[in-house]
mmCIF file of all heavy atoms, coordinates in Angstrom:
data_MODEL
# 
_entry.id   MODEL 
# 
loop_
_atom_site.group_PDB 
_atom_site.id 
_atom_site.type_symbol 
_atom_site.label_atom_id 
_atom_site.label_alt_id 
_atom_site.label_comp_id 
_atom_site.label_asym_id 
_atom_site.label_entity_id 
_atom_site.label_seq_id 
_atom_site.pdbx_PDB_ins_code 
_atom_site.Cartn_x 
_atom_site.Cartn_y 
_atom_site.Cartn_z 
_atom_site.occupancy 
_atom_site.B_iso_or_equiv 
_atom_site.pdbx_formal_charge 
_atom_site.auth_seq_id 
_atom_site.auth_comp_id 
_atom_site.auth_asym_id 
_atom_site.auth_atom_id 
_atom_site.pdbx_PDB_model_num 
ATOM 1   N N   . PRO A 1 1  ? 0.809  -1.236 0.000   1.00 0.00 ? 1  PRO A N   1 
ATOM 2   C CA  . PRO A 1 1  ? 0.000  0.000  0.000   1.00 0.00 ? 1  PRO A CA  1 
ATOM 3   C C   . PRO A 1 1  ? 0.836  1.277  0.000   1.00 0.00 ? 1  PRO A C   1 
ATOM 4   O O   . PRO A 1 1  ? 0.469  2.265  -0.650  1.00 0.00 ? 1  PRO A O   1 
ATOM 5   C CB  . PRO A 1 1  ? -0.863 -0.118 1.253   1.00 0.00 ? 1  PRO A CB  1 
ATOM 6   C CG  . PRO A 1 1  ? -0.249 -1.202 2.070   1.00 0.00 ? 1  PRO A CG  1 
ATOM 7   C CD  . PRO A 1 1  ? 0.526  -2.076 1.156   1.00 0.00 ? 1  PRO A CD  1 
ATOM 8   N N   . GLU A 1 2  ? 1.970  1.257  0.698   1.00 0.00 ? 2  GLU A N   1 
ATOM 9   C CA  . GLU A 1 2  ? 2.828  2.449  0.711   1.00 0.00 ? 2  GLU A CA  1 
ATOM 10  C C   . GLU A 1 2  ? 3.461  2.678  -0.658  1.00 0.00 ? 2  GLU A C   1 
ATOM 11  O O   . GLU A 1 2  ? 3.641  3.818  -1.099  1.00 0.00 ? 2  GLU A O   1 
ATOM 12  C CB  . GLU A 1 2  ? 3.890  2.359  1.815   1.00 0.00 ? 2  GLU A CB  1 
ATOM 13  C CG  . GLU A 1 2  ? 4.960  1.296  1.596   1.00 0.00 ? 2  GLU A CG  1 
ATOM 14  C CD  . GLU A 1 2  ? 4.525  -0.171 1.725   1.00 0.00 ? 2  GLU A CD  1 
ATOM 15  O OE1 . GLU A 1 2  ? 3.486  -0.472 2.350   1.00 0.00 ? 2  GLU A OE1 1 
ATOM 16  O OE2 . GLU A 1 2  ? 5.232  -1.038 1.183   1.00 0.00 ? 2  GLU A OE2 1 
ATOM 17  N N   . GLY A 1 3  ? 3.770  1.599  -1.368  1.00 0.00 ? 3  GLY A N   1 
ATOM 18  C CA  . GLY A 1 3  ? 4.308  1.711  -2.725  1.00 0.00 ? 3  GLY A CA  1 
ATOM 19  C C   . GLY A 1 3  ? 3.259  2.236  -3.690  1.00 0.00 ? 3  GLY A C   1 
ATOM 20  O O   . GLY A 1 3  ? 3.560  3.058  -4.561  1.00 0.00 ? 3  GLY A O   1 
ATOM 21  N N   . TYR A 1 4  ? 2.021  1.761  -3.522  1.00 0.00 ? 4  TYR A N   1 
ATOM 22  C CA  . TYR A 1 4  ? 0.937  2.238  -4.381  1.00 0.00 ? 4  TYR A CA  1 
ATOM 23  C C   . TYR A 1 4  ? 0.729  3.730  -4.171  1.00 0.00 ? 4  TYR A C   1 
ATOM 24  O O   . TYR A 1 4  ? 0.581  4.490  -5.136  1.00 0.00 ? 4  TYR A O   1 
ATOM 25  C CB  . TYR A 1 4  ? -0.363 1.473  -4.107  1.00 0.00 ? 4  TYR A CB  1 
ATOM 26  C CG  . TYR A 1 4  ? -1.459 1.822  -5.072  1.00 0.00 ? 4  TYR A CG  1 
ATOM 27  C CD1 . TYR A 1 4  ? -1.581 1.150  -6.277  1.00 0.00 ? 4  TYR A CD1 1 
ATOM 28  C CD2 . TYR A 1 4  ? -2.361 2.842  -4.799  1.00 0.00 ? 4  TYR A CD2 1 
ATOM 29  C CE1 . TYR A 1 4  ? -2.568 1.480  -7.192  1.00 0.00 ? 4  TYR A CE1 1 
ATOM 30  C CE2 . TYR A 1 4  ? -3.358 3.180  -5.697  1.00 0.00 ? 4  TYR A CE2 1 
ATOM 31  C CZ  . TYR A 1 4  ? -3.459 2.500  -6.893  1.00 0.00 ? 4  TYR A CZ  1 
ATOM 32  O OH  . TYR A 1 4  ? -4.436 2.839  -7.798  1.00 0.00 ? 4  TYR A OH  1 
ATOM 33  N N   . GLU A 1 5  ? 0.744  4.159  -2.925  1.00 0.00 ? 5  GLU A N   1 
ATOM 34  C CA  . GLU A 1 5  ? 0.579  5.586  -2.617  1.00 0.00 ? 5  GLU A CA  1 
ATOM 35  C C   . GLU A 1 5  ? 1.712  6.398  -3.251  1.00 0.00 ? 5  GLU A C   1 
ATOM 36  O O   . GLU A 1 5  ? 1.473  7.451  -3.848  1.00 0.00 ? 5  GLU A O   1 
ATOM 37  C CB  . GLU A 1 5  ? 0.544  5.801  -1.107  1.00 0.00 ? 5  GLU A CB  1 
ATOM 38  C CG  . GLU A 1 5  ? 0.490  7.249  -0.680  1.00 0.00 ? 5  GLU A CG  1 
ATOM 39  C CD  . GLU A 1 5  ? -0.710 8.024  -1.214  1.00 0.00 ? 5  GLU A CD  1 
ATOM 40  O OE1 . GLU A 1 5  ? -1.801 7.429  -1.385  1.00 0.00 ? 5  GLU A OE1 1 
ATOM 41  O OE2 . GLU A 1 5  ? -0.553 9.234  -1.471  1.00 0.00 ? 5  GLU A OE2 1 
ATOM 42  N N   . PHE A 1 6  ? 2.935  5.910  -3.125  1.00 0.00 ? 6  PHE A N   1 
ATOM 43  C CA  . PHE A 1 6  ? 4.091  6.602  -3.699  1.00 0.00 ? 6  PHE A CA  1 
ATOM 44  C C   . PHE A 1 6  ? 3.960  6.729  -5.212  1.00 0.00 ? 6  PHE A C   1 
ATOM 45  O O   . PHE A 1 6  ? 4.112  7.824  -5.772  1.00 0.00 ? 6  PHE A O   1 
ATOM 46  C CB  . PHE A 1 6  ? 5.380  5.847  -3.330  1.00 0.00 ? 6  PHE A CB  1 
ATOM 47  C CG  . PHE A 1 6  ? 6.639  6.522  -3.794  1.00 0.00 ? 6  PHE A CG  1 
ATOM 48  C CD1 . PHE A 1 6  ? 7.321  7.382  -2.951  1.00 0.00 ? 6  PHE A CD1 1 
ATOM 49  C CD2 . PHE A 1 6  ? 7.162  6.285  -5.061  1.00 0.00 ? 6  PHE A CD2 1 
ATOM 50  C CE1 . PHE A 1 6  ? 8.494  8.009  -3.367  1.00 0.00 ? 6  PHE A CE1 1 
ATOM 51  C CE2 . PHE A 1 6  ? 8.327  6.901  -5.486  1.00 0.00 ? 6  PHE A CE2 1 
ATOM 52  C CZ  . PHE A 1 6  ? 8.993  7.771  -4.629  1.00 0.00 ? 6  PHE A CZ  1 
ATOM 53  N N   . LEU A 1 7  ? 3.679  5.616  -5.902  1.00 0.00 ? 7  LEU A N   1 
ATOM 54  C CA  . LEU A 1 7  ? 3.607  5.630  -7.364  1.00 0.00 ? 7  LEU A CA  1 
ATOM 55  C C   . LEU A 1 7  ? 2.325  6.274  -7.890  1.00 0.00 ? 7  LEU A C   1 
ATOM 56  O O   . LEU A 1 7  ? 2.202  6.507  -9.093  1.00 0.00 ? 7  LEU A O   1 
ATOM 57  C CB  . LEU A 1 7  ? 3.781  4.215  -7.919  1.00 0.00 ? 7  LEU A CB  1 
ATOM 58  C CG  . LEU A 1 7  ? 5.156  3.586  -7.657  1.00 0.00 ? 7  LEU A CG  1 
ATOM 59  C CD1 . LEU A 1 7  ? 5.207  2.144  -8.158  1.00 0.00 ? 7  LEU A CD1 1 
ATOM 60  C CD2 . LEU A 1 7  ? 6.274  4.413  -8.284  1.00 0.00 ? 7  LEU A CD2 1 
ATOM 61  N N   . SER A 1 8  ? 1.396  6.590  -6.980  1.00 0.00 ? 8  SER A N   1 
ATOM 62  C CA  . SER A 1 8  ? 0.177  7.321  -7.355  1.00 0.00 ? 8  SER A CA  1 
ATOM 63  C C   . SER A 1 8  ? 0.325  8.821  -7.113  1.00 0.00 ? 8  SER A C   1 
ATOM 64  O O   . SER A 1 8  ? -0.520 9.604  -7.542  1.00 0.00 ? 8  SER A O   1 
ATOM 65  C CB  . SER A 1 8  ? -1.021 6.834  -6.536  1.00 0.00 ? 8  SER A CB  1 
ATOM 66  O OG  . SER A 1 8  ? -1.324 5.507  -6.836  1.00 0.00 ? 8  SER A OG  1 
ATOM 67  N N   . SER A 1 9  ? 1.386  9.207  -6.420  1.00 0.00 ? 9  SER A N   1 
ATOM 68  C CA  . SER A 1 9  ? 1.513  10.617 -6.057  1.00 0.00 ? 9  SER A CA  1 
ATOM 69  C C   . SER A 1 9  ? 2.791  11.287 -6.563  1.00 0.00 ? 9  SER A C   1 
ATOM 70  O O   . SER A 1 9  ? 2.833  12.503 -6.701  1.00 0.00 ? 9  SER A O   1 
ATOM 71  C CB  . SER A 1 9  ? 1.435  10.780 -4.534  1.00 0.00 ? 9  SER A CB  1 
ATOM 72  O OG  . SER A 1 9  ? 2.468  10.048 -3.899  1.00 0.00 ? 9  SER A OG  1 
ATOM 73  N N   . GLU A 1 10 ? 3.817  10.504 -6.850  1.00 0.00 ? 10 GLU A N   1 
ATOM 74  C CA  . GLU A 1 10 ? 5.089  11.080 -7.315  1.00 0.00 ? 10 GLU A CA  1 
ATOM 75  C C   . GLU A 1 10 ? 5.170  11.042 -8.840  1.00 0.00 ? 10 GLU A C   1 
ATOM 76  O O   . GLU A 1 10 ? 5.010  9.991  -9.450  1.00 0.00 ? 10 GLU A O   1 
ATOM 77  C CB  . GLU A 1 10 ? 6.273  10.312 -6.725  1.00 0.00 ? 10 GLU A CB  1 
ATOM 78  C CG  . GLU A 1 10 ? 6.380  10.395 -5.218  1.00 0.00 ? 10 GLU A CG  1 
ATOM 79  C CD  . GLU A 1 10 ? 6.714  11.788 -4.714  1.00 0.00 ? 10 GLU A CD  1 
ATOM 80  O OE1 . GLU A 1 10 ? 7.287  12.606 -5.471  1.00 0.00 ? 10 GLU A OE1 1 
ATOM 81  O OE2 . GLU A 1 10 ? 6.384  12.064 -3.535  1.00 0.00 ? 10 GLU A OE2 1 
ATOM 82  N N   . ALA A 1 11 ? 5.419  12.191 -9.446  1.00 0.00 ? 11 ALA A N   1 
ATOM 83  C CA  . ALA A 1 11 ? 5.551  12.277 -10.902 1.00 0.00 ? 11 ALA A CA  1 
ATOM 84  C C   . ALA A 1 11 ? 6.922  11.747 -11.310 1.00 0.00 ? 11 ALA A C   1 
ATOM 85  O O   . ALA A 1 11 ? 7.947  12.198 -10.806 1.00 0.00 ? 11 ALA A O   1 
ATOM 86  C CB  . ALA A 1 11 ? 5.376  13.716 -11.362 1.00 0.00 ? 11 ALA A CB  1 
ATOM 87  N N   . ILE A 1 12 ? 6.905  10.778 -12.204 1.00 0.00 ? 12 ILE A N   1 
ATOM 88  C CA  . ILE A 1 12 ? 8.115  10.105 -12.675 1.00 0.00 ? 12 ILE A CA  1 
ATOM 89  C C   . ILE A 1 12 ? 8.327  10.479 -14.152 1.00 0.00 ? 12 ILE A C   1 
ATOM 90  O O   . ILE A 1 12 ? 7.395  10.388 -14.954 1.00 0.00 ? 12 ILE A O   1 
ATOM 91  C CB  . ILE A 1 12 ? 7.971  8.569  -12.537 1.00 0.00 ? 12 ILE A CB  1 
ATOM 92  C CG1 . ILE A 1 12 ? 7.557  8.173  -11.114 1.00 0.00 ? 12 ILE A CG1 1 
ATOM 93  C CG2 . ILE A 1 12 ? 9.237  7.861  -12.985 1.00 0.00 ? 12 ILE A CG2 1 
ATOM 94  C CD1 . ILE A 1 12 ? 8.507  8.597  -10.032 1.00 0.00 ? 12 ILE A CD1 1 
ATOM 95  N N   . PRO A 1 13 ? 9.552  10.878 -14.518 1.00 0.00 ? 13 PRO A N   1 
ATOM 96  C CA  . PRO A 1 13 ? 9.775  11.263 -15.916 1.00 0.00 ? 13 PRO A CA  1 
ATOM 97  C C   . PRO A 1 13 ? 9.902  10.063 -16.862 1.00 0.00 ? 13 PRO A C   1 
ATOM 98  O O   . PRO A 1 13 ? 10.462 9.032  -16.507 1.00 0.00 ? 13 PRO A O   1 
ATOM 99  C CB  . PRO A 1 13 ? 11.090 12.042 -15.859 1.00 0.00 ? 13 PRO A CB  1 
ATOM 100 C CG  . PRO A 1 13 ? 11.782 11.568 -14.634 1.00 0.00 ? 13 PRO A CG  1 
ATOM 101 C CD  . PRO A 1 13 ? 10.722 11.096 -13.678 1.00 0.00 ? 13 PRO A CD  1 
ATOM 102 N N   . SER A 1 14 ? 9.353  10.230 -18.050 1.00 0.00 ? 14 SER A N   1 
ATOM 103 C CA  . SER A 1 14 ? 9.501  9.280  -19.151 1.00 0.00 ? 14 SER A CA  1 
ATOM 104 C C   . SER A 1 14 ? 9.960  10.083 -20.354 1.00 0.00 ? 14 SER A C   1 
ATOM 105 O O   . SER A 1 14 ? 9.560  11.234 -20.535 1.00 0.00 ? 14 SER A O   1 
ATOM 106 C CB  . SER A 1 14 ? 8.176  8.594  -19.462 1.00 0.00 ? 14 SER A CB  1 
ATOM 107 O OG  . SER A 1 14 ? 7.753  7.822  -18.376 1.00 0.00 ? 14 SER A OG  1 
ATOM 108 N N   . GLU A 1 15 ? 10.783 9.450  -21.201 1.00 0.00 ? 15 GLU A N   1 
ATOM 109 C CA  . GLU A 1 15 ? 11.404 10.221 -22.280 1.00 0.00 ? 15 GLU A CA  1 
ATOM 110 C C   . GLU A 1 15 ? 11.649 9.352  -23.510 1.00 0.00 ? 15 GLU A C   1 
ATOM 111 O O   . GLU A 1 15 ? 11.937 8.164  -23.402 1.00 0.00 ? 15 GLU A O   1 
ATOM 112 C CB  . GLU A 1 15 ? 12.731 10.773 -21.764 1.00 0.00 ? 15 GLU A CB  1 
ATOM 113 C CG  . GLU A 1 15 ? 13.434 11.725 -22.666 1.00 0.00 ? 15 GLU A CG  1 
ATOM 114 C CD  . GLU A 1 15 ? 14.610 12.397 -21.959 1.00 0.00 ? 15 GLU A CD  1 
ATOM 115 O OE1 . GLU A 1 15 ? 15.277 11.752 -21.121 1.00 0.00 ? 15 GLU A OE1 1 
ATOM 116 O OE2 . GLU A 1 15 ? 14.855 13.566 -22.249 1.00 0.00 ? 15 GLU A OE2 1 
ATOM 117 N N   . PHE A 1 16 ? 11.530 9.977  -24.668 1.00 0.00 ? 16 PHE A N   1 
ATOM 118 C CA  . PHE A 1 16 ? 11.886 9.366  -25.946 1.00 0.00 ? 16 PHE A CA  1 
ATOM 119 C C   . PHE A 1 16 ? 12.731 10.379 -26.707 1.00 0.00 ? 16 PHE A C   1 
ATOM 120 O O   . PHE A 1 16 ? 12.330 11.525 -26.897 1.00 0.00 ? 16 PHE A O   1 
ATOM 121 C CB  . PHE A 1 16 ? 10.639 9.011  -26.758 1.00 0.00 ? 16 PHE A CB  1 
ATOM 122 C CG  . PHE A 1 16 ? 10.951 8.467  -28.128 1.00 0.00 ? 16 PHE A CG  1 
ATOM 123 C CD1 . PHE A 1 16 ? 11.290 7.136  -28.287 1.00 0.00 ? 16 PHE A CD1 1 
ATOM 124 C CD2 . PHE A 1 16 ? 10.931 9.289  -29.246 1.00 0.00 ? 16 PHE A CD2 1 
ATOM 125 C CE1 . PHE A 1 16 ? 11.588 6.621  -29.543 1.00 0.00 ? 16 PHE A CE1 1 
ATOM 126 C CE2 . PHE A 1 16 ? 11.234 8.787  -30.505 1.00 0.00 ? 16 PHE A CE2 1 
ATOM 127 C CZ  . PHE A 1 16 ? 11.563 7.447  -30.648 1.00 0.00 ? 16 PHE A CZ  1 
ATOM 128 N N   . ILE A 1 17 ? 13.907 9.931  -27.129 1.00 0.00 ? 17 ILE A N   1 
ATOM 129 C CA  . ILE A 1 17 ? 14.804 10.802 -27.892 1.00 0.00 ? 17 ILE A CA  1 
ATOM 130 C C   . ILE A 1 17 ? 15.215 10.070 -29.166 1.00 0.00 ? 17 ILE A C   1 
ATOM 131 O O   . ILE A 1 17 ? 15.650 8.922  -29.122 1.00 0.00 ? 17 ILE A O   1 
ATOM 132 C CB  . ILE A 1 17 ? 16.075 11.162 -27.093 1.00 0.00 ? 17 ILE A CB  1 
ATOM 133 C CG1 . ILE A 1 17 ? 15.706 11.869 -25.795 1.00 0.00 ? 17 ILE A CG1 1 
ATOM 134 C CG2 . ILE A 1 17 ? 17.004 12.020 -27.938 1.00 0.00 ? 17 ILE A CG2 1 
ATOM 135 C CD1 . ILE A 1 17 ? 16.886 12.101 -24.870 1.00 0.00 ? 17 ILE A CD1 1 
ATOM 136 N N   . GLU A 1 18 ? 15.041 10.747 -30.271 1.00 0.00 ? 18 GLU A N   1 
ATOM 137 C CA  . GLU A 1 18 ? 15.457 10.238 -31.572 1.00 0.00 ? 18 GLU A CA  1 
ATOM 138 C C   . GLU A 1 18 ? 15.779 11.469 -32.413 1.00 0.00 ? 18 GLU A C   1 
ATOM 139 O O   . GLU A 1 18 ? 15.267 12.557 -32.139 1.00 0.00 ? 18 GLU A O   1 
ATOM 140 C CB  . GLU A 1 18 ? 14.306 9.436  -32.187 1.00 0.00 ? 18 GLU A CB  1 
ATOM 141 C CG  . GLU A 1 18 ? 14.629 8.806  -33.505 1.00 0.00 ? 18 GLU A CG  1 
ATOM 142 C CD  . GLU A 1 18 ? 13.466 7.954  -33.997 1.00 0.00 ? 18 GLU A CD  1 
ATOM 143 O OE1 . GLU A 1 18 ? 13.428 6.767  -33.649 1.00 0.00 ? 18 GLU A OE1 1 
ATOM 144 O OE2 . GLU A 1 18 ? 12.612 8.486  -34.721 1.00 0.00 ? 18 GLU A OE2 1 
ATOM 145 N N   . GLU A 1 19 ? 16.595 11.305 -33.407 1.00 0.00 ? 19 GLU A N   1 
ATOM 146 C CA  . GLU A 1 19 ? 16.949 12.460 -34.235 1.00 0.00 ? 19 GLU A CA  1 
ATOM 147 C C   . GLU A 1 19 ? 15.688 13.185 -34.703 1.00 0.00 ? 19 GLU A C   1 
ATOM 148 O O   . GLU A 1 19 ? 14.794 12.593 -35.314 1.00 0.00 ? 19 GLU A O   1 
ATOM 149 C CB  . GLU A 1 19 ? 17.768 12.013 -35.442 1.00 0.00 ? 19 GLU A CB  1 
ATOM 150 C CG  . GLU A 1 19 ? 18.345 13.179 -36.226 1.00 0.00 ? 19 GLU A CG  1 
ATOM 151 C CD  . GLU A 1 19 ? 19.267 12.727 -37.341 1.00 0.00 ? 19 GLU A CD  1 
ATOM 152 O OE1 . GLU A 1 19 ? 19.899 11.661 -37.211 1.00 0.00 ? 19 GLU A OE1 1 
ATOM 153 O OE2 . GLU A 1 19 ? 19.339 13.451 -38.344 1.00 0.00 ? 19 GLU A OE2 1 
ATOM 154 N N   . GLY A 1 20 ? 15.595 14.450 -34.357 1.00 0.00 ? 20 GLY A N   1 
ATOM 155 C CA  . GLY A 1 20 ? 14.447 15.273 -34.736 1.00 0.00 ? 20 GLY A CA  1 
ATOM 156 C C   . GLY A 1 20 ? 13.243 15.134 -33.823 1.00 0.00 ? 20 GLY A C   1 
ATOM 157 O O   . GLY A 1 20 ? 12.238 15.806 -34.025 1.00 0.00 ? 20 GLY A O   1 
ATOM 158 N N   . LYS A 1 21 ? 13.327 14.269 -32.798 1.00 0.00 ? 21 LYS A N   1 
ATOM 159 C CA  . LYS A 1 21 ? 12.192 14.057 -31.882 1.00 0.00 ? 21 LYS A CA  1 
ATOM 160 C C   . LYS A 1 21 ? 12.700 13.977 -30.451 1.00 0.00 ? 21 LYS A C   1 
ATOM 161 O O   . LYS A 1 21 ? 13.678 13.296 -30.166 1.00 0.00 ? 21 LYS A O   1 
ATOM 162 C CB  . LYS A 1 21 ? 11.453 12.760 -32.206 1.00 0.00 ? 21 LYS A CB  1 
ATOM 163 C CG  . LYS A 1 21 ? 10.806 12.731 -33.552 1.00 0.00 ? 21 LYS A CG  1 
ATOM 164 C CD  . LYS A 1 21 ? 10.155 11.394 -33.811 1.00 0.00 ? 21 LYS A CD  1 
ATOM 165 C CE  . LYS A 1 21 ? 9.605  11.384 -35.222 1.00 0.00 ? 21 LYS A CE  1 
ATOM 166 N NZ  . LYS A 1 21 ? 9.224  10.077 -35.675 1.00 0.00 ? 21 LYS A NZ  1 
ATOM 167 N N   . HIS A 1 22 ? 12.014 14.673 -29.582 1.00 0.00 ? 22 HIS A N   1 
ATOM 168 C CA  . HIS A 1 22 ? 12.319 14.583 -28.154 1.00 0.00 ? 22 HIS A CA  1 
ATOM 169 C C   . HIS A 1 22 ? 11.009 14.788 -27.394 1.00 0.00 ? 22 HIS A C   1 
ATOM 170 O O   . HIS A 1 22 ? 10.434 15.863 -27.412 1.00 0.00 ? 22 HIS A O   1 
ATOM 171 C CB  . HIS A 1 22 ? 13.335 15.634 -27.733 1.00 0.00 ? 22 HIS A CB  1 
ATOM 172 C CG  . HIS A 1 22 ? 13.765 15.475 -26.319 1.00 0.00 ? 22 HIS A CG  1 
ATOM 173 N ND1 . HIS A 1 22 ? 14.545 16.393 -25.678 1.00 0.00 ? 22 HIS A ND1 1 
ATOM 174 C CD2 . HIS A 1 22 ? 13.535 14.495 -25.397 1.00 0.00 ? 22 HIS A CD2 1 
ATOM 175 C CE1 . HIS A 1 22 ? 14.788 16.006 -24.437 1.00 0.00 ? 22 HIS A CE1 1 
ATOM 176 N NE2 . HIS A 1 22 ? 14.165 14.859 -24.249 1.00 0.00 ? 22 HIS A NE2 1 
ATOM 177 N N   . HIS A 1 23 ? 10.543 13.723 -26.769 1.00 0.00 ? 23 HIS A N   1 
ATOM 178 C CA  . HIS A 1 23 ? 9.305  13.778 -26.002 1.00 0.00 ? 23 HIS A CA  1 
ATOM 179 C C   . HIS A 1 23 ? 9.632  13.488 -24.545 1.00 0.00 ? 23 HIS A C   1 
ATOM 180 O O   . HIS A 1 23 ? 10.366 12.549 -24.243 1.00 0.00 ? 23 HIS A O   1 
ATOM 181 C CB  . HIS A 1 23 ? 8.295  12.744 -26.510 1.00 0.00 ? 23 HIS A CB  1 
ATOM 182 C CG  . HIS A 1 23 ? 7.976  12.902 -27.961 1.00 0.00 ? 23 HIS A CG  1 
ATOM 183 N ND1 . HIS A 1 23 ? 7.218  13.927 -28.445 1.00 0.00 ? 23 HIS A ND1 1 
ATOM 184 C CD2 . HIS A 1 23 ? 8.330  12.154 -29.033 1.00 0.00 ? 23 HIS A CD2 1 
ATOM 185 C CE1 . HIS A 1 23 ? 7.107  13.812 -29.749 1.00 0.00 ? 23 HIS A CE1 1 
ATOM 186 N NE2 . HIS A 1 23 ? 7.780  12.740 -30.143 1.00 0.00 ? 23 HIS A NE2 1 
ATOM 187 N N   . LEU A 1 24 ? 9.071  14.269 -23.641 1.00 0.00 ? 24 LEU A N   1 
ATOM 188 C CA  . LEU A 1 24 ? 9.300  14.105 -22.215 1.00 0.00 ? 24 LEU A CA  1 
ATOM 189 C C   . LEU A 1 24 ? 8.005  14.396 -21.483 1.00 0.00 ? 24 LEU A C   1 
ATOM 190 O O   . LEU A 1 24 ? 7.308  15.361 -21.781 1.00 0.00 ? 24 LEU A O   1 
ATOM 191 C CB  . LEU A 1 24 ? 10.394 15.066 -21.739 1.00 0.00 ? 24 LEU A CB  1 
ATOM 192 C CG  . LEU A 1 24 ? 10.687 15.095 -20.246 1.00 0.00 ? 24 LEU A CG  1 
ATOM 193 C CD1 . LEU A 1 24 ? 11.321 13.777 -19.803 1.00 0.00 ? 24 LEU A CD1 1 
ATOM 194 C CD2 . LEU A 1 24 ? 11.601 16.261 -19.905 1.00 0.00 ? 24 LEU A CD2 1 
ATOM 195 N N   . SER A 1 25 ? 7.679  13.538 -20.530 1.00 0.00 ? 25 SER A N   1 
ATOM 196 C CA  . SER A 1 25 ? 6.469  13.735 -19.733 1.00 0.00 ? 25 SER A CA  1 
ATOM 197 C C   . SER A 1 25 ? 6.755  13.377 -18.285 1.00 0.00 ? 25 SER A C   1 
ATOM 198 O O   . SER A 1 25 ? 7.562  12.496 -17.989 1.00 0.00 ? 25 SER A O   1 
ATOM 199 C CB  . SER A 1 25 ? 5.337  12.848 -20.266 1.00 0.00 ? 25 SER A CB  1 
ATOM 200 O OG  . SER A 1 25 ? 4.182  12.999 -19.468 1.00 0.00 ? 25 SER A OG  1 
ATOM 201 N N   . LEU A 1 26 ? 6.102  14.077 -17.389 1.00 0.00 ? 26 LEU A N   1 
ATOM 202 C CA  . LEU A 1 26 ? 6.144  13.781 -15.962 1.00 0.00 ? 26 LEU A CA  1 
ATOM 203 C C   . LEU A 1 26 ? 4.747  13.374 -15.538 1.00 0.00 ? 26 LEU A C   1 
ATOM 204 O O   . LEU A 1 26 ? 3.797  14.131 -15.726 1.00 0.00 ? 26 LEU A O   1 
ATOM 205 C CB  . LEU A 1 26 ? 6.532  15.031 -15.155 1.00 0.00 ? 26 LEU A CB  1 
ATOM 206 C CG  . LEU A 1 26 ? 7.994  15.388 -15.088 1.00 0.00 ? 26 LEU A CG  1 
ATOM 207 C CD1 . LEU A 1 26 ? 8.174  16.756 -14.459 1.00 0.00 ? 26 LEU A CD1 1 
ATOM 208 C CD2 . LEU A 1 26 ? 8.750  14.350 -14.293 1.00 0.00 ? 26 LEU A CD2 1 
ATOM 209 N N   . ASP A 1 27 ? 4.621  12.173 -14.995 1.00 0.00 ? 27 ASP A N   1 
ATOM 210 C CA  . ASP A 1 27 ? 3.307  11.728 -14.533 1.00 0.00 ? 27 ASP A CA  1 
ATOM 211 C C   . ASP A 1 27 ? 3.485  10.566 -13.575 1.00 0.00 ? 27 ASP A C   1 
ATOM 212 O O   . ASP A 1 27 ? 4.551  9.968  -13.497 1.00 0.00 ? 27 ASP A O   1 
ATOM 213 C CB  . ASP A 1 27 ? 2.422  11.313 -15.704 1.00 0.00 ? 27 ASP A CB  1 
ATOM 214 C CG  . ASP A 1 27 ? 0.955  11.633 -15.473 1.00 0.00 ? 27 ASP A CG  1 
ATOM 215 O OD1 . ASP A 1 27 ? 0.519  11.655 -14.300 1.00 0.00 ? 27 ASP A OD1 1 
ATOM 216 O OD2 . ASP A 1 27 ? 0.240  11.858 -16.461 1.00 0.00 ? 27 ASP A OD2 1 
ATOM 217 N N   . THR A 1 28 ? 2.421  10.244 -12.872 1.00 0.00 ? 28 THR A N   1 
ATOM 218 C CA  . THR A 1 28 ? 2.447  9.137  -11.932 1.00 0.00 ? 28 THR A CA  1 
ATOM 219 C C   . THR A 1 28 ? 2.296  7.811  -12.679 1.00 0.00 ? 28 THR A C   1 
ATOM 220 O O   . THR A 1 28 ? 1.750  7.771  -13.775 1.00 0.00 ? 28 THR A O   1 
ATOM 221 C CB  . THR A 1 28 ? 1.316  9.283  -10.903 1.00 0.00 ? 28 THR A CB  1 
ATOM 222 O OG1 . THR A 1 28 ? 0.069  9.352  -11.596 1.00 0.00 ? 28 THR A OG1 1 
ATOM 223 C CG2 . THR A 1 28 ? 1.505  10.535 -10.049 1.00 0.00 ? 28 THR A CG2 1 
ATOM 224 N N   . VAL A 1 29 ? 2.776  6.742  -12.074 1.00 0.00 ? 29 VAL A N   1 
ATOM 225 C CA  . VAL A 1 29 ? 2.627  5.405  -12.659 1.00 0.00 ? 29 VAL A CA  1 
ATOM 226 C C   . VAL A 1 29 ? 1.169  4.981  -12.592 1.00 0.00 ? 29 VAL A C   1 
ATOM 227 O O   . VAL A 1 29 ? 0.619  4.432  -13.546 1.00 0.00 ? 29 VAL A O   1 
ATOM 228 C CB  . VAL A 1 29 ? 3.536  4.393  -11.944 1.00 0.00 ? 29 VAL A CB  1 
ATOM 229 C CG1 . VAL A 1 29 ? 3.265  2.972  -12.433 1.00 0.00 ? 29 VAL A CG1 1 
ATOM 230 C CG2 . VAL A 1 29 ? 5.007  4.764  -12.140 1.00 0.00 ? 29 VAL A CG2 1 
# 
């Protein structure tokens, strides 16, 4: 339950980088 609370409240970065493309988002799991 403490892990669920953590991953429901902390924004975690995700990223995709390729020539000419760079996407980045911060969101909870």
